[in-house]
Amino acid sequence: MKKVVIALVVVFLGFWMFTDPRGLADAAGGAGGQIAAWTGDFFSALIRFVGELG
């Protein structure tokens, strides 16, 4: 079952890459930016937490 899901995701991304490469690039860029923002928020909260301990 796991292999089928992975294969479907790969086929979907391949289809998306050939039919709308700009849309795929925009979506990937948006997701990367959001992940970077979440990572920054996490480390800021972690630094505040450690600062409150001391």
C-alpha atoms as a PDB file:
ATOM      1  CA  MET A   1       0.000   0.000   0.000  1.00  0.00           C
ATOM      2  CA  LYS A   2       2.837   2.364   0.897  1.00  0.00           C
ATOM      3  CA  LYS A   3       4.513   1.822  -2.487  1.00  0.00           C
ATOM      4  CA  VAL A   4       1.261   2.561  -4.304  1.00  0.00           C
ATOM      5  CA  VAL A   5       0.844   5.883  -2.493  1.00  0.00           C
ATOM      6  CA  ILE A   6       4.457   6.869  -3.218  1.00  0.00           C
ATOM      7  CA  ALA A   7       4.020   5.915  -6.883  1.00  0.00           C
ATOM      8  CA  LEU A   8       0.825   7.988  -7.140  1.00  0.00           C
ATOM      9  CA  VAL A   9       2.533  11.021  -5.601  1.00  0.00           C
ATOM     10  CA  VAL A  10       5.459  10.700  -8.021  1.00  0.00           C
ATOM     11  CA  VAL A  11       3.102  10.368 -11.007  1.00  0.00           C
ATOM     12  CA  PHE A  12       1.065  13.363  -9.825  1.00  0.00           C
ATOM     13  CA  LEU A  13       4.161  15.540  -9.370  1.00  0.00           C
ATOM     14  CA  GLY A  14       5.527  14.443 -12.746  1.00  0.00           C
ATOM     15  CA  PHE A  15       2.231  15.267 -14.446  1.00  0.00           C
ATOM     16  CA  TRP A  16       2.110  18.634 -12.682  1.00  0.00           C
ATOM     17  CA  MET A  17       5.718  19.368 -13.686  1.00  0.00           C
ATOM     18  CA  PHE A  18       4.971  18.804 -17.384  1.00  0.00           C
ATOM     19  CA  THR A  19       1.556  20.499 -17.509  1.00  0.00           C
ATOM     20  CA  ASP A  20       2.174  23.517 -15.250  1.00  0.00           C
ATOM     21  CA  PRO A  21       5.842  23.910 -14.306  1.00  0.00           C
ATOM     22  CA  ARG A  22       5.361  27.525 -13.180  1.00  0.00           C
ATOM     23  CA  GLY A  23       2.554  26.524 -10.808  1.00  0.00           C
ATOM     24  CA  LEU A  24       4.671  23.726  -9.344  1.00  0.00           C
ATOM     25  CA  ALA A  25       7.590  26.115  -8.844  1.00  0.00           C
ATOM     26  CA  ASP A  26       5.340  28.693  -7.177  1.00  0.00           C
ATOM     27  CA  ALA A  27       3.848  26.067  -4.863  1.00  0.00           C
ATOM     28  CA  ALA A  28       7.278  24.700  -3.940  1.00  0.00           C
ATOM     29  CA  GLY A  29       8.598  28.213  -3.289  1.00  0.00           C
ATOM     30  CA  GLY A  30       5.607  29.059  -1.124  1.00  0.00           C
ATOM     31  CA  ALA A  31       5.974  25.850   0.864  1.00  0.00           C
ATOM     32  CA  GLY A  32       9.693  26.465   1.343  1.00  0.00           C
ATOM     33  CA  GLY A  33       9.065  29.989   2.549  1.00  0.00           C
ATOM     34  CA  GLN A  34       6.436  28.799   5.001  1.00  0.00           C
ATOM     35  CA  ILE A  35       8.733  26.095   6.379  1.00  0.00           C
ATOM     36  CA  ALA A  36      11.502  28.664   6.820  1.00  0.00           C
ATOM     37  CA  ALA A  37       9.109  30.953   8.705  1.00  0.00           C
ATOM     38  CA  TRP A  38       7.979  28.107  10.993  1.00  0.00           C
ATOM     39  CA  THR A  39      11.599  27.160  11.665  1.00  0.00           C
ATOM     40  CA  GLY A  40      12.418  30.749  12.589  1.00  0.00           C
ATOM     41  CA  ASP A  41       9.410  30.944  14.894  1.00  0.00           C
ATOM     42  CA  PHE A  42      10.376  27.650  16.552  1.00  0.00           C
ATOM     43  CA  PHE A  43      13.939  28.735  17.260  1.00  0.00           C
ATOM     44  CA  SER A  44      12.807  32.145  18.515  1.00  0.00           C
ATOM     45  CA  ALA A  45      10.423  30.443  20.942  1.00  0.00           C
ATOM     46  CA  LEU A  46      13.155  28.006  21.985  1.00  0.00           C
ATOM     47  CA  ILE A  47      15.584  30.859  22.675  1.00  0.00           C
ATOM     48  CA  ARG A  48      12.930  32.690  24.724  1.00  0.00           C
ATOM     49  CA  PHE A  49      12.188  29.493  26.677  1.00  0.00           C
ATOM     50  CA  VAL A  50      15.850  28.844  27.467  1.00  0.00           C
ATOM     51  CA  GLY A  51      16.265  32.510  28.430  1.00  0.00           C
ATOM     52  CA  GLU A  52      13.375  32.247  30.888  1.00  0.00           C
ATOM     53  CA  LEU A  53      14.965  29.214  32.550  1.00  0.00           C
ATOM     54  CA  GLY A  54      18.134  31.110  33.472  1.00  0.00           C
END
